[in-house]
Amino acid sequence: MVWRRLQIPGNTSLANLHHIIQIANGWEDEYLHQFHIYGKDYGIAYEGGLMFVDNAHTVYMDDFKFDIGDKFTYEYNFFKHWVVDIRIEGIDEASTSQPSVYCIKGNGMPGANKSDEIECTLNLLKAIAHADDTTKLSDLRLFVEALNAVRFNRRHINKRLQTEME
């Protein structure tokens, strides 16, 4: 099962939440998406794609007045029909600092299985074993990136969240 536990500030727009989910799942924002919250659809409108009444850049998580246990969905790639169930696990209203986006835990990568992870791990180990004095770190980076695409790596996700969401 693929899942993520994320810490997200209430002042996060739905457009930013879309990008956070993309990063957390290793997706590259290649397909249409939509949120379904309290019976209404929200998303980023693209020319030739879906249109939405509200602008996802100006609708924020706090606007929904969620309670603990509330749920909504995010659908991505209407061909594969990937649906992410989102549940509010906690609300920290007493916080005075602006918490950053952070992946606390997770498991699996969408579209990948254990054999993909094993194959990429073996490829990386073979590349390391065959490395010599002329091997550069950039030569191995491709193998690491391939492994990160099929194996959940919280540190990698948090690094991308930190650099891309600032």
Protein backbone atom coordinates (compact mmCIF):
# COMPACT_ATOMS: atom_id res chain seq x y z
CA MET A 1 0.00 0.00 0.00
CA VAL A 2 1.24 3.47 -0.91
CA TRP A 3 0.70 6.14 1.75
CA ARG A 4 2.17 9.39 3.08
CA ARG A 5 1.85 11.29 6.34
CA LEU A 6 2.48 14.99 5.75
CA GLN A 7 2.60 18.09 7.93
CA ILE A 8 1.05 20.97 6.01
CA PRO A 9 0.36 24.51 7.23
CA GLY A 10 -3.24 25.71 7.11
CA ASN A 11 -2.23 28.62 4.87
CA THR A 12 -1.33 26.16 2.09
CA SER A 13 -3.30 26.82 -1.09
CA LEU A 14 -4.87 23.93 -2.98
CA ALA A 15 -2.48 24.71 -5.85
CA ASN A 16 0.46 24.25 -3.48
CA LEU A 17 -1.12 21.13 -1.98
CA HIS A 18 -1.29 19.72 -5.52
CA HIS A 19 2.46 20.34 -5.93
CA ILE A 20 3.20 18.86 -2.49
CA ILE A 21 1.33 15.67 -3.41
CA GLN A 22 3.19 15.55 -6.74
CA ILE A 23 6.55 15.73 -4.97
CA ALA A 24 5.57 13.28 -2.21
CA ASN A 25 4.60 10.68 -4.81
CA GLY A 26 7.43 11.28 -7.27
CA TRP A 27 5.06 12.50 -9.97
CA GLU A 28 6.03 15.12 -12.53
CA ASP A 29 2.73 17.03 -12.93
CA GLU A 30 2.05 15.52 -16.36
CA TYR A 31 -1.67 14.80 -15.96
CA LEU A 32 -4.85 16.58 -14.97
CA HIS A 33 -5.99 16.47 -11.36
CA GLN A 34 -8.79 17.55 -9.07
CA PHE A 35 -9.62 17.71 -5.39
CA HIS A 36 -13.09 16.72 -4.23
CA ILE A 37 -13.83 18.52 -0.96
CA TYR A 38 -17.25 18.70 0.71
CA GLY A 39 -19.01 17.78 -2.55
CA LYS A 40 -17.21 20.32 -4.74
CA ASP A 41 -14.34 19.93 -7.22
CA TYR A 42 -11.25 22.16 -7.05
CA GLY A 43 -8.10 22.22 -9.12
CA ILE A 44 -5.78 24.19 -11.34
CA ALA A 45 -7.43 25.04 -14.65
CA TYR A 46 -5.33 24.38 -17.75
CA GLU A 47 -6.15 25.36 -21.31
CA GLY A 48 -7.90 22.41 -22.93
CA GLY A 49 -8.42 20.79 -19.52
CA LEU A 50 -10.90 20.99 -16.69
CA MET A 51 -12.25 24.34 -15.59
CA PHE A 52 -13.06 25.13 -11.95
CA VAL A 53 -15.23 27.83 -10.38
CA ASP A 54 -12.62 28.73 -7.76
CA ASN A 55 -8.97 29.58 -8.31
CA ALA A 56 -6.87 26.90 -6.55
CA HIS A 57 -4.16 29.52 -5.91
CA THR A 58 -6.54 31.50 -3.69
CA VAL A 59 -8.32 28.67 -1.83
CA TYR A 60 -6.48 27.62 1.33
CA MET A 61 -6.69 24.61 3.62
CA ASP A 62 -7.85 26.87 6.47
CA ASP A 63 -10.81 28.01 4.36
CA PHE A 64 -12.49 24.63 4.82
CA LYS A 65 -12.52 24.70 8.63
CA PHE A 66 -11.61 21.02 8.73
CA ASP A 67 -12.08 18.97 11.89
CA ILE A 68 -9.91 16.04 12.92
CA GLY A 69 -11.07 13.01 10.96
CA ASP A 70 -12.42 14.96 7.97
CA LYS A 71 -11.60 13.42 4.61
CA PHE A 72 -11.38 14.50 0.99
CA THR A 73 -9.84 13.12 -2.20
CA TYR A 74 -7.25 14.13 -4.77
CA GLU A 75 -7.54 12.44 -8.15
CA TYR A 76 -4.56 12.43 -10.50
CA ASN A 77 -4.13 11.00 -13.99
CA PHE A 78 -7.68 10.38 -15.13
CA PHE A 79 -6.44 7.55 -17.39
CA LYS A 80 -5.02 5.52 -14.50
CA HIS A 81 -7.52 6.98 -12.03
CA TRP A 82 -5.13 7.39 -9.12
CA VAL A 83 -7.16 8.54 -6.12
CA VAL A 84 -5.43 9.79 -2.99
CA ASP A 85 -7.60 9.68 0.13
CA ILE A 86 -6.64 12.56 2.40
CA ARG A 87 -7.56 12.56 6.09
CA ILE A 88 -7.02 15.34 8.59
CA GLU A 89 -5.20 13.73 11.53
CA GLY A 90 -4.48 16.80 13.60
CA ILE A 91 -4.82 20.55 13.74
CA ASP A 92 -2.30 22.66 15.61
CA GLU A 93 -4.11 25.95 16.19
CA ALA A 94 -1.83 27.01 19.05
CA SER A 95 1.28 27.21 16.88
CA THR A 96 2.62 30.73 16.41
CA SER A 97 5.43 29.77 14.07
CA GLN A 98 4.86 29.02 10.41
CA PRO A 99 5.39 25.26 10.13
CA SER A 100 6.97 24.10 6.92
CA VAL A 101 5.76 21.30 4.71
CA TYR A 102 7.27 18.03 5.89
CA CYS A 103 6.88 14.35 5.07
CA ILE A 104 6.77 12.55 8.40
CA LYS A 105 6.39 8.96 7.13
CA GLY A 106 5.34 6.95 4.14
CA ASN A 107 5.49 3.70 2.25
CA GLY A 108 5.80 2.64 -1.37
CA MET A 109 5.82 4.57 -4.63
CA PRO A 110 2.88 4.70 -7.04
CA GLY A 111 3.24 2.30 -9.95
CA ALA A 112 6.30 0.55 -8.45
CA ASN A 113 6.64 -2.81 -6.78
CA LYS A 114 9.30 -4.69 -4.79
CA SER A 115 10.87 -6.21 -7.90
CA ASP A 116 11.40 -2.69 -9.33
CA GLU A 117 13.13 -1.68 -6.12
CA ILE A 118 15.31 -4.81 -6.10
CA GLU A 119 16.30 -4.31 -9.74
CA CYS A 120 17.26 -0.66 -9.20
CA THR A 121 19.17 -1.52 -6.02
CA LEU A 122 21.13 -4.23 -7.84
CA ASN A 123 21.89 -1.85 -10.71
CA LEU A 124 23.25 0.73 -8.25
CA LEU A 125 25.34 -1.89 -6.44
CA LYS A 126 26.75 -3.15 -9.76
CA ALA A 127 27.66 0.40 -10.76
CA ILE A 128 29.41 0.93 -7.43
CA ALA A 129 31.23 -2.41 -7.70
CA HIS A 130 32.44 -1.57 -11.21
CA ALA A 131 33.49 1.97 -10.31
CA ASP A 132 37.12 2.91 -10.75
CA ASP A 133 39.28 6.03 -10.47
CA THR A 134 37.57 7.58 -13.50
CA THR A 135 34.04 7.13 -12.15
CA LYS A 136 32.39 10.38 -11.16
CA LEU A 137 29.62 10.86 -8.66
CA SER A 138 27.41 12.07 -11.50
CA ASP A 139 27.83 8.63 -13.13
CA LEU A 140 26.21 7.03 -10.08
CA ARG A 141 23.57 9.72 -9.57
CA LEU A 142 21.41 8.27 -12.38
CA PHE A 143 21.24 4.95 -10.55
CA VAL A 144 20.30 6.69 -7.28
CA GLU A 145 17.57 8.69 -9.04
CA ALA A 146 16.18 5.50 -10.61
CA LEU A 147 16.07 3.90 -7.15
CA ASN A 148 14.35 6.96 -5.64
CA ALA A 149 11.65 6.69 -8.32
CA VAL A 150 10.64 3.19 -7.15
CA ARG A 151 11.46 3.26 -3.40
CA PHE A 152 10.02 5.58 -0.79
CA ASN A 153 12.82 7.86 0.42
CA ARG A 154 11.60 10.35 3.03
CA ARG A 155 14.86 12.33 3.08
CA HIS A 156 14.77 12.76 -0.69
CA ILE A 157 11.12 13.86 -0.60
CA ASN A 158 11.77 16.35 2.22
CA LYS A 159 14.76 17.79 0.39
CA ARG A 160 12.60 18.35 -2.71
CA LEU A 161 9.79 19.81 -0.60
CA GLN A 162 12.22 22.20 1.07
CA THR A 163 13.78 23.42 -2.18
CA GLU A 164 10.69 23.46 -4.41
CA MET A 165 8.08 24.80 -1.98
CA GLU A 166 10.03 27.85 -0.75
